[in-house]
C-alpha atoms as a PDB file:
ATOM      1  CA  MET A   1     -86.836-170.111   6.416  1.00  0.00           C
ATOM      2  CA  SER A   2     -84.669-168.510   3.694  1.00  0.00           C
ATOM      3  CA  LYS A   3     -81.317-166.638   4.329  1.00  0.00           C
ATOM      4  CA  THR A   4     -82.957-163.450   3.193  1.00  0.00           C
ATOM      5  CA  GLY A   5     -85.595-163.763   5.768  1.00  0.00           C
ATOM      6  CA  LYS A   6     -82.984-164.286   8.484  1.00  0.00           C
ATOM      7  CA  LYS A   7     -81.113-161.095   7.574  1.00  0.00           C
ATOM      8  CA  SER A   8     -84.256-159.006   7.701  1.00  0.00           C
ATOM      9  CA  ALA A   9     -85.057-160.321  11.115  1.00  0.00           C
ATOM     10  CA  GLU A  10     -81.754-159.127  12.787  1.00  0.00           C
ATOM     11  CA  SER A  11     -82.104-156.485  15.596  1.00  0.00           C
ATOM     12  CA  PRO A  12     -80.496-152.953  15.418  1.00  0.00           C
ATOM     13  CA  ALA A  13     -78.183-153.796  18.276  1.00  0.00           C
ATOM     14  CA  SER A  14     -76.549-156.413  16.156  1.00  0.00           C
ATOM     15  CA  VAL A  15     -75.817-153.723  13.509  1.00  0.00           C
ATOM     16  CA  HIS A  16     -73.878-151.161  15.775  1.00  0.00           C
ATOM     17  CA  SER A  17     -71.090-152.319  17.996  1.00  0.00           C
ATOM     18  CA  SER A  18     -70.951-151.242  21.745  1.00  0.00           C
ATOM     19  CA  PRO A  19     -68.463-148.347  22.788  1.00  0.00           C
ATOM     20  CA  SER A  20     -65.121-149.547  23.881  1.00  0.00           C
ATOM     21  CA  ASN A  21     -63.449-148.773  27.187  1.00  0.00           C
ATOM     22  CA  ALA A  22     -61.125-146.349  25.409  1.00  0.00           C
ATOM     23  CA  ASP A  23     -64.113-144.427  24.096  1.00  0.00           C
ATOM     24  CA  ILE A  24     -65.632-144.276  27.543  1.00  0.00           C
ATOM     25  CA  ILE A  25     -62.364-143.074  29.070  1.00  0.00           C
ATOM     26  CA  MET A  26     -61.986-140.377  26.392  1.00  0.00           C
ATOM     27  CA  PHE A  27     -65.544-139.241  26.936  1.00  0.00           C
ATOM     28  CA  LEU A  28     -65.020-139.080  30.686  1.00  0.00           C
ATOM     29  CA  LYS A  29     -61.842-137.060  30.174  1.00  0.00           C
ATOM     30  CA  LYS A  30     -63.751-134.565  28.031  1.00  0.00           C
ATOM     31  CA  ILE A  31     -66.390-134.283  30.727  1.00  0.00           C
ATOM     32  CA  GLU A  32     -63.655-133.916  33.340  1.00  0.00           C
ATOM     33  CA  GLY A  33     -62.021-131.176  31.271  1.00  0.00           C
ATOM     34  CA  LYS A  34     -65.288-129.336  30.974  1.00  0.00           C
ATOM     35  CA  ILE A  35     -65.854-129.714  34.688  1.00  0.00           C
ATOM     36  CA  GLU A  36     -62.373-128.324  35.365  1.00  0.00           C
ATOM     37  CA  ASN A  37     -63.117-125.358  33.083  1.00  0.00           C
ATOM     38  CA  VAL A  38     -66.351-124.761  34.919  1.00  0.00           C
ATOM     39  CA  GLU A  39     -64.511-124.965  38.257  1.00  0.00           C
ATOM     40  CA  LEU A  40     -61.901-122.490  37.010  1.00  0.00           C
ATOM     41  CA  LYS A  41     -64.626-120.139  35.895  1.00  0.00           C
ATOM     42  CA  LEU A  42     -66.330-120.598  39.240  1.00  0.00           C
ATOM     43  CA  LYS A  43     -63.045-119.776  41.011  1.00  0.00           C
ATOM     44  CA  THR A  44     -62.669-116.707  38.790  1.00  0.00           C
ATOM     45  CA  LEU A  45     -66.207-115.704  39.669  1.00  0.00           C
ATOM     46  CA  ASP A  46     -65.423-116.231  43.362  1.00  0.00           C
ATOM     47  CA  ASN A  47     -62.330-114.020  43.043  1.00  0.00           C
ATOM     48  CA  LEU A  48     -64.335-111.432  41.153  1.00  0.00           C
ATOM     49  CA  GLU A  49     -67.050-111.560  43.770  1.00  0.00           C
ATOM     50  CA  LYS A  50     -64.446-111.066  46.494  1.00  0.00           C
ATOM     51  CA  LYS A  51     -63.000-108.126  44.588  1.00  0.00           C
ATOM     52  CA  VAL A  52     -66.470-106.668  44.185  1.00  0.00           C
ATOM     53  CA  ASP A  53     -67.105-107.174  47.907  1.00  0.00           C
ATOM     54  CA  ASN A  54     -63.763-105.542  48.739  1.00  0.00           C
ATOM     55  CA  PHE A  55     -64.524-102.672  46.372  1.00  0.00           C
ATOM     56  CA  GLU A  56     -67.928-102.197  47.985  1.00  0.00           C
ATOM     57  CA  ASN A  57     -66.312-102.200  51.415  1.00  0.00           C
ATOM     58  CA  ASP A  58     -63.690 -99.698  50.272  1.00  0.00           C
ATOM     59  CA  LEU A  59     -66.404 -97.593  48.695  1.00  0.00           C
ATOM     60  CA  LYS A  60     -68.414 -97.677  51.906  1.00  0.00           C
ATOM     61  CA  LYS A  61     -65.328 -96.663  53.897  1.00  0.00           C
ATOM     62  CA  MET A  62     -64.635 -93.874  51.422  1.00  0.00           C
ATOM     63  CA  TRP A  63     -68.201 -92.531  51.660  1.00  0.00           C
ATOM     64  CA  LEU A  64     -68.022 -92.846  55.437  1.00  0.00           C
ATOM     65  CA  ASN A  65     -64.788 -90.810  55.467  1.00  0.00           C
ATOM     66  CA  ILE A  66     -66.320 -88.258  53.109  1.00  0.00           C
ATOM     67  CA  HIS A  67     -69.367 -88.015  55.347  1.00  0.00           C
ATOM     68  CA  GLU A  68     -67.207 -87.602  58.441  1.00  0.00           C
ATOM     69  CA  ASN A  69     -65.020 -85.016  56.725  1.00  0.00           C
ATOM     70  CA  LYS A  70     -68.089 -83.137  55.506  1.00  0.00           C
ATOM     71  CA  LYS A  71     -69.548 -83.184  58.990  1.00  0.00           C
ATOM     72  CA  CYS A  72     -66.252 -81.964  60.446  1.00  0.00           C
ATOM     73  CA  THR A  73     -66.000 -79.279  57.756  1.00  0.00           C
ATOM     74  CA  ASP A  74     -69.601 -78.192  58.355  1.00  0.00           C
ATOM     75  CA  ASP A  75     -68.883 -77.932  62.088  1.00  0.00           C
ATOM     76  CA  LYS A  76     -65.797 -75.800  61.417  1.00  0.00           C
ATOM     77  CA  ILE A  77     -67.732 -73.588  59.007  1.00  0.00           C
ATOM     78  CA  ASN A  78     -70.520 -73.146  61.575  1.00  0.00           C
ATOM     79  CA  LYS A  79     -67.992 -72.242  64.256  1.00  0.00           C
ATOM     80  CA  LEU A  80     -66.281 -69.798  61.886  1.00  0.00           C
ATOM     81  CA  GLU A  81     -69.625 -68.222  61.016  1.00  0.00           C
ATOM     82  CA  GLU A  82     -70.402 -67.874  64.712  1.00  0.00           C
ATOM     83  CA  ARG A  83     -67.018 -66.262  65.317  1.00  0.00           C
ATOM     84  CA  VAL A  84     -67.541 -63.929  62.368  1.00  0.00           C
ATOM     85  CA  GLU A  85     -70.925 -62.929  63.768  1.00  0.00           C
ATOM     86  CA  VAL A  86     -69.351 -62.317  67.168  1.00  0.00           C
ATOM     87  CA  VAL A  87     -66.533 -60.278  65.584  1.00  0.00           C
ATOM     88  CA  GLU A  88     -69.017 -58.288  63.487  1.00  0.00           C
ATOM     89  CA  PHE A  89     -71.115 -57.609  66.563  1.00  0.00           C
ATOM     90  CA  SER A  90     -68.017 -56.644  68.534  1.00  0.00           C
ATOM     91  CA  GLY A  91     -66.865 -54.466  65.633  1.00  0.00           C
ATOM     92  CA  SER A  92     -70.238 -52.764  65.488  1.00  0.00           C
ATOM     93  CA  SER A  93     -70.184 -52.264  69.244  1.00  0.00           C
ATOM     94  CA  SER A  94     -66.607 -50.943  69.042  1.00  0.00           C
ATOM     95  CA  ASP A  95     -67.563 -48.550  66.234  1.00  0.00           C
ATOM     96  CA  SER A  96     -70.409 -47.254  68.369  1.00  0.00           C
ATOM     97  CA  LYS A  97     -68.077 -46.808  71.337  1.00  0.00           C
ATOM     98  CA  ILE A  98     -65.501 -45.067  69.138  1.00  0.00           C
ATOM     99  CA  GLU A  99     -68.179 -42.709  67.817  1.00  0.00           C
ATOM    100  CA  ASP A 100     -69.277 -41.970  71.399  1.00  0.00           C
ATOM    101  CA  LEU A 101     -65.662 -41.339  72.419  1.00  0.00           C
ATOM    102  CA  GLN A 102     -65.080 -39.078  69.419  1.00  0.00           C
ATOM    103  CA  LYS A 103     -68.251 -37.163  70.223  1.00  0.00           C
ATOM    104  CA  SER A 104     -67.240 -36.849  73.884  1.00  0.00           C
ATOM    105  CA  ASN A 105     -63.733 -35.808  72.830  1.00  0.00           C
ATOM    106  CA  SER A 106     -65.145 -33.161  70.489  1.00  0.00           C
ATOM    107  CA  GLU A 107     -67.440 -31.862  73.221  1.00  0.00           C
ATOM    108  CA  LEU A 108     -64.547 -31.837  75.696  1.00  0.00           C
ATOM    109  CA  LYS A 109     -62.358 -29.904  73.247  1.00  0.00           C
ATOM    110  CA  GLY A 110     -65.185 -27.424  72.778  1.00  0.00           C
ATOM    111  CA  GLU A 111     -65.525 -26.961  76.530  1.00  0.00           C
ATOM    112  CA  ILE A 112     -61.757 -26.501  76.901  1.00  0.00           C
ATOM    113  CA  SER A 113     -61.719 -23.951  74.069  1.00  0.00           C
ATOM    114  CA  TYR A 114     -64.592 -22.111  75.724  1.00  0.00           C
ATOM    115  CA  LEU A 115     -62.776 -22.054  79.070  1.00  0.00           C
ATOM    116  CA  LYS A 116     -59.597 -20.804  77.394  1.00  0.00           C
ATOM    117  CA  SER A 117     -61.589 -18.111  75.601  1.00  0.00           C
ATOM    118  CA  GLN A 118     -63.145 -17.045  78.890  1.00  0.00           C
ATOM    119  CA  GLN A 119     -59.714 -16.861  80.489  1.00  0.00           C
ATOM    120  CA  MET A 120     -58.532 -14.666  77.603  1.00  0.00           C
ATOM    121  CA  ARG A 121     -61.686 -12.579  77.579  1.00  0.00           C
ATOM    122  CA  ASN A 122     -59.948  -9.537  79.101  1.00  0.00           C
ATOM    123  CA  ASN A 123     -56.812  -9.899  76.949  1.00  0.00           C
ATOM    124  CA  LEU A 124     -55.583  -7.815  74.014  1.00  0.00           C
ATOM    125  CA  LEU A 125     -52.536  -8.369  71.833  1.00  0.00           C
ATOM    126  CA  PHE A 126     -50.448  -5.353  70.780  1.00  0.00           C
ATOM    127  CA  GLY A 127     -48.031  -5.606  67.854  1.00  0.00           C
ATOM    128  CA  GLY A 128     -45.261  -3.360  66.586  1.00  0.00           C
ATOM    129  CA  VAL A 129     -44.559  -1.774  69.984  1.00  0.00           C
ATOM    130  CA  PRO A 130     -40.785  -1.133  70.345  1.00  0.00           C
ATOM    131  CA  GLU A 131     -38.934  -3.439  72.741  1.00  0.00           C
ATOM    132  CA  ILE A 132     -35.937  -2.413  74.831  1.00  0.00           C
ATOM    133  CA  PRO A 133     -32.977  -4.695  75.670  1.00  0.00           C
ATOM    134  CA  ASN A 134     -33.446  -6.890  78.750  1.00  0.00           C
ATOM    135  CA  GLU A 135     -37.029  -5.708  79.084  1.00  0.00           C
ATOM    136  CA  LYS A 136     -38.794  -6.739  82.312  1.00  0.00           C
ATOM    137  CA  PRO A 137     -42.596  -7.106  82.784  1.00  0.00           C
ATOM    138  CA  ALA A 138     -42.673  -3.818  84.729  1.00  0.00           C
ATOM    139  CA  ASP A 139     -40.937  -2.115  81.798  1.00  0.00           C
ATOM    140  CA  THR A 140     -43.401  -3.716  79.394  1.00  0.00           C
ATOM    141  CA  GLU A 141     -46.389  -2.282  81.275  1.00  0.00           C
ATOM    142  CA  GLN A 142     -44.920   1.239  81.232  1.00  0.00           C
ATOM    143  CA  ILE A 143     -44.097   0.965  77.510  1.00  0.00           C
ATOM    144  CA  LEU A 144     -47.661  -0.205  76.861  1.00  0.00           C
ATOM    145  CA  ARG A 145     -49.240   2.650  78.821  1.00  0.00           C
ATOM    146  CA  LYS A 146     -47.160   5.136  76.855  1.00  0.00           C
ATOM    147  CA  HIS A 147     -48.289   3.404  73.644  1.00  0.00           C
ATOM    148  CA  LEU A 148     -51.938   3.799  74.700  1.00  0.00           C
ATOM    149  CA  CYS A 149     -51.426   7.515  75.131  1.00  0.00           C
ATOM    150  CA  ASP A 150     -49.201   8.244  72.124  1.00  0.00           C
ATOM    151  CA  ASN A 151     -50.682   6.005  69.457  1.00  0.00           C
ATOM    152  CA  LEU A 152     -54.176   5.047  70.593  1.00  0.00           C
ATOM    153  CA  LYS A 153     -54.835   8.670  71.600  1.00  0.00           C
ATOM    154  CA  LEU A 154     -56.206   7.880  75.060  1.00  0.00           C
ATOM    155  CA  ALA A 155     -56.018  10.619  77.669  1.00  0.00           C
ATOM    156  CA  LYS A 156     -53.255  10.124  80.240  1.00  0.00           C
ATOM    157  CA  GLU A 157     -55.657  10.281  83.174  1.00  0.00           C
ATOM    158  CA  ILE A 158     -57.753   7.511  81.561  1.00  0.00           C
ATOM    159  CA  VAL A 159     -54.669   5.406  80.929  1.00  0.00           C
ATOM    160  CA  ASP A 160     -53.448   5.942  84.494  1.00  0.00           C
ATOM    161  CA  GLY A 161     -56.839   4.758  85.772  1.00  0.00           C
ATOM    162  CA  ILE A 162     -56.743   1.517  83.781  1.00  0.00           C
ATOM    163  CA  LYS A 163     -55.869  -1.451  86.004  1.00  0.00           C
ATOM    164  CA  ILE A 164     -53.670  -4.047  84.310  1.00  0.00           C
ATOM    165  CA  GLU A 165     -53.333  -7.543  85.801  1.00  0.00           C
ATOM    166  CA  ARG A 166     -50.171  -8.259  83.800  1.00  0.00           C
ATOM    167  CA  ALA A 167     -48.449  -7.277  80.568  1.00  0.00           C
ATOM    168  CA  HIS A 168     -45.596  -9.246  79.020  1.00  0.00           C
ATOM    169  CA  ARG A 169     -43.975 -10.108  75.715  1.00  0.00           C
ATOM    170  CA  ILE A 170     -44.765 -13.428  74.044  1.00  0.00           C
ATOM    171  CA  GLY A 171     -42.432 -15.542  71.955  1.00  0.00           C
ATOM    172  CA  SER A 172     -38.661 -15.894  71.987  1.00  0.00           C
ATOM    173  CA  GLN A 173     -36.064 -13.545  70.558  1.00  0.00           C
ATOM    174  CA  GLY A 174     -33.520 -16.265  69.899  1.00  0.00           C
ATOM    175  CA  SER A 175     -29.756 -16.065  70.351  1.00  0.00           C
ATOM    176  CA  ASP A 176     -28.900 -14.100  67.179  1.00  0.00           C
ATOM    177  CA  PRO A 177     -28.986 -10.326  67.954  1.00  0.00           C
ATOM    178  CA  ASN A 178     -29.219  -9.526  64.231  1.00  0.00           C
ATOM    179  CA  LYS A 179     -32.567 -11.323  63.996  1.00  0.00           C
ATOM    180  CA  ARG A 180     -34.261  -9.621  66.931  1.00  0.00           C
ATOM    181  CA  TYR A 181     -37.714  -8.128  66.431  1.00  0.00           C
ATOM    182  CA  ASN A 182     -40.395  -6.417  68.508  1.00  0.00           C
ATOM    183  CA  ARG A 183     -42.361  -9.213  70.110  1.00  0.00           C
ATOM    184  CA  LYS A 184     -46.092  -8.876  70.692  1.00  0.00           C
ATOM    185  CA  ILE A 185     -47.371  -7.700  74.056  1.00  0.00           C
ATOM    186  CA  VAL A 186     -50.227  -9.596  75.663  1.00  0.00           C
ATOM    187  CA  CYS A 187     -52.052  -7.474  78.194  1.00  0.00           C
ATOM    188  CA  MET A 188     -54.632  -8.787  80.660  1.00  0.00           C
ATOM    189  CA  PHE A 189     -56.920  -6.000  81.843  1.00  0.00           C
ATOM    190  CA  SER A 190     -58.559  -6.288  85.246  1.00  0.00           C
ATOM    191  CA  TYR A 191     -61.882  -5.063  83.857  1.00  0.00           C
ATOM    192  CA  PHE A 192     -63.530  -5.976  80.596  1.00  0.00           C
ATOM    193  CA  LYS A 193     -64.879  -2.439  80.124  1.00  0.00           C
ATOM    194  CA  ASP A 194     -61.293  -1.088  80.143  1.00  0.00           C
ATOM    195  CA  ARG A 195     -60.305  -3.658  77.533  1.00  0.00           C
ATOM    196  CA  GLU A 196     -63.246  -2.619  75.333  1.00  0.00           C
ATOM    197  CA  HIS A 197     -62.401   1.069  75.805  1.00  0.00           C
ATOM    198  CA  VAL A 198     -58.879   0.397  74.527  1.00  0.00           C
ATOM    199  CA  ARG A 199     -60.035  -1.915  71.728  1.00  0.00           C
ATOM    200  CA  ARG A 200     -62.461   0.669  70.329  1.00  0.00           C
ATOM    201  CA  GLN A 201     -59.515   3.059  69.855  1.00  0.00           C
ATOM    202  CA  ARG A 202     -57.706   0.792  67.389  1.00  0.00           C
ATOM    203  CA  PHE A 203     -58.922   2.856  64.422  1.00  0.00           C
ATOM    204  CA  ASN A 204     -56.167   5.311  65.431  1.00  0.00           C
ATOM    205  CA  LEU A 205     -53.627   2.683  64.353  1.00  0.00           C
ATOM    206  CA  ASN A 206     -54.828   2.616  60.747  1.00  0.00           C
ATOM    207  CA  GLY A 207     -51.976   3.418  58.388  1.00  0.00           C
ATOM    208  CA  THR A 208     -49.311   2.802  61.064  1.00  0.00           C
ATOM    209  CA  SER A 209     -47.022  -0.147  61.812  1.00  0.00           C
ATOM    210  CA  PHE A 210     -48.942  -0.806  65.028  1.00  0.00           C
ATOM    211  CA  TYR A 211     -51.930  -3.125  65.467  1.00  0.00           C
ATOM    212  CA  LEU A 212     -53.993  -4.741  68.187  1.00  0.00           C
ATOM    213  CA  HIS A 213     -56.497  -7.590  68.304  1.00  0.00           C
ATOM    214  CA  GLU A 214     -58.271  -9.858  70.730  1.00  0.00           C
ATOM    215  CA  GLN A 215     -56.578 -12.986  72.018  1.00  0.00           C
ATOM    216  CA  PHE A 216     -58.148 -16.387  71.339  1.00  0.00           C
ATOM    217  CA  PRO A 217     -57.013 -20.014  71.769  1.00  0.00           C
ATOM    218  CA  PRO A 218     -55.187 -21.457  68.697  1.00  0.00           C
ATOM    219  CA  GLU A 219     -58.153 -23.652  67.674  1.00  0.00           C
ATOM    220  CA  VAL A 220     -60.463 -20.604  67.678  1.00  0.00           C
ATOM    221  CA  VAL A 221     -57.909 -18.592  65.704  1.00  0.00           C
ATOM    222  CA  ASN A 222     -57.814 -21.331  63.064  1.00  0.00           C
ATOM    223  CA  LYS A 223     -61.609 -21.288  62.787  1.00  0.00           C
ATOM    224  CA  ARG A 224     -61.633 -17.510  62.428  1.00  0.00           C
ATOM    225  CA  ARG A 225     -58.977 -17.676  59.695  1.00  0.00           C
ATOM    226  CA  ARG A 226     -61.157 -20.062  57.692  1.00  0.00           C
ATOM    227  CA  LEU A 227     -64.109 -17.676  58.044  1.00  0.00           C
ATOM    228  CA  ILE A 228     -62.244 -14.467  57.124  1.00  0.00           C
ATOM    229  CA  PRO A 229     -62.412 -15.070  53.307  1.00  0.00           C
ATOM    230  CA  LEU A 230     -66.184 -15.540  53.591  1.00  0.00           C
ATOM    231  CA  LEU A 231     -66.437 -12.344  55.617  1.00  0.00           C
ATOM    232  CA  LYS A 232     -64.490 -10.394  52.982  1.00  0.00           C
ATOM    233  CA  LYS A 233     -66.619 -11.852  50.193  1.00  0.00           C
ATOM    234  CA  ASP A 234     -69.865 -10.836  51.902  1.00  0.00           C
ATOM    235  CA  LYS A 235     -68.484  -7.368  52.582  1.00  0.00           C
ATOM    236  CA  ASP A 236     -67.622  -7.013  48.902  1.00  0.00           C
ATOM    237  CA  GLU A 237     -71.212  -7.979  48.126  1.00  0.00           C
ATOM    238  CA  HIS A 238     -72.405  -5.328  50.637  1.00  0.00           C
ATOM    239  CA  LYS A 239     -73.813  -7.898  53.037  1.00  0.00           C
ATOM    240  CA  GLU A 240     -73.741  -7.384  56.769  1.00  0.00           C
ATOM    241  CA  MET A 241     -71.689 -10.068  58.467  1.00  0.00           C
ATOM    242  CA  PHE A 242     -69.366 -10.462  61.435  1.00  0.00           C
ATOM    243  CA  VAL A 243     -67.303 -13.258  62.975  1.00  0.00           C
ATOM    244  CA  LYS A 244     -68.317 -14.404  66.435  1.00  0.00           C
ATOM    245  CA  LEU A 245     -66.792 -17.546  67.933  1.00  0.00           C
ATOM    246  CA  ALA A 246     -67.158 -18.247  71.612  1.00  0.00           C
ATOM    247  CA  ALA A 247     -65.121 -21.485  71.412  1.00  0.00           C
END
C-alpha cells in the first residue's frame, strides 16, 4: 500500500488532539462562575420575594386597619346621627312645650287683665283737681264732692247721695316743694250707676283744665293708646267707631 493511501485512511480522532486538564479546569470554572451567578440571582429573587411577601403583609395590615377605622368611624357617625335625631326630636318637643307655655301665659295675662279691669270697673280718674298740703283721704273725698258740684254741675243732693268706697291721690309729690303738682284722684264708687252718672257729665269739663276718664290696667291702657290714632282717622272719615277693651 502506498504512503498516500495510508494518509487517506487516518481517522478524524487522529487529526484533533484531546482537551487538556487545564482546558477542563477552565471550563469547569466558567460553569462554576455561571452557577454562582445563577445562585446570586436566585438569592436576589428570594430576597425580592420576601420583600414582596412583607409588602403584601403590610398592605393587608394597612387595609385591615383602614377597614377597622372605617367601621369605627361609621359607628361613631351612626351614633352621632342618632343623637342628632334625639336632639332634634327633643328640640321639636321643647318648641311645642314652649309654644304651649307662651299660649298659657298669654291666656293667663288676659285673665289677669280682665280681673283687674273688673276690679276697676267702678273707678274714675279725676285730673287737675287742686290739692291741699298734707291732704288726707277724708279731705280728698270732700274736695272731690265739691268738684262734682262746682265743675261737673251735679246737684248737691245727688252728690250727697253718691256712695264712695274710697277716694285718694295717686303718685308721689317728691321732696322738692317747687316741683309739686296736683296729683290725680282715683275714686271707687260703690255703685256702677253712680259712676256712669258722673262720667256722663264730663262734657262740662270741655275747655277747662279739668278732665276725667275711666281707669284701666296698664296693659289695657297701652292697647287703647295704639287704637286711638285709628279711631281719630275713622272719625275724620265720618265712620262710626268706638274703643272697647274688656282686657
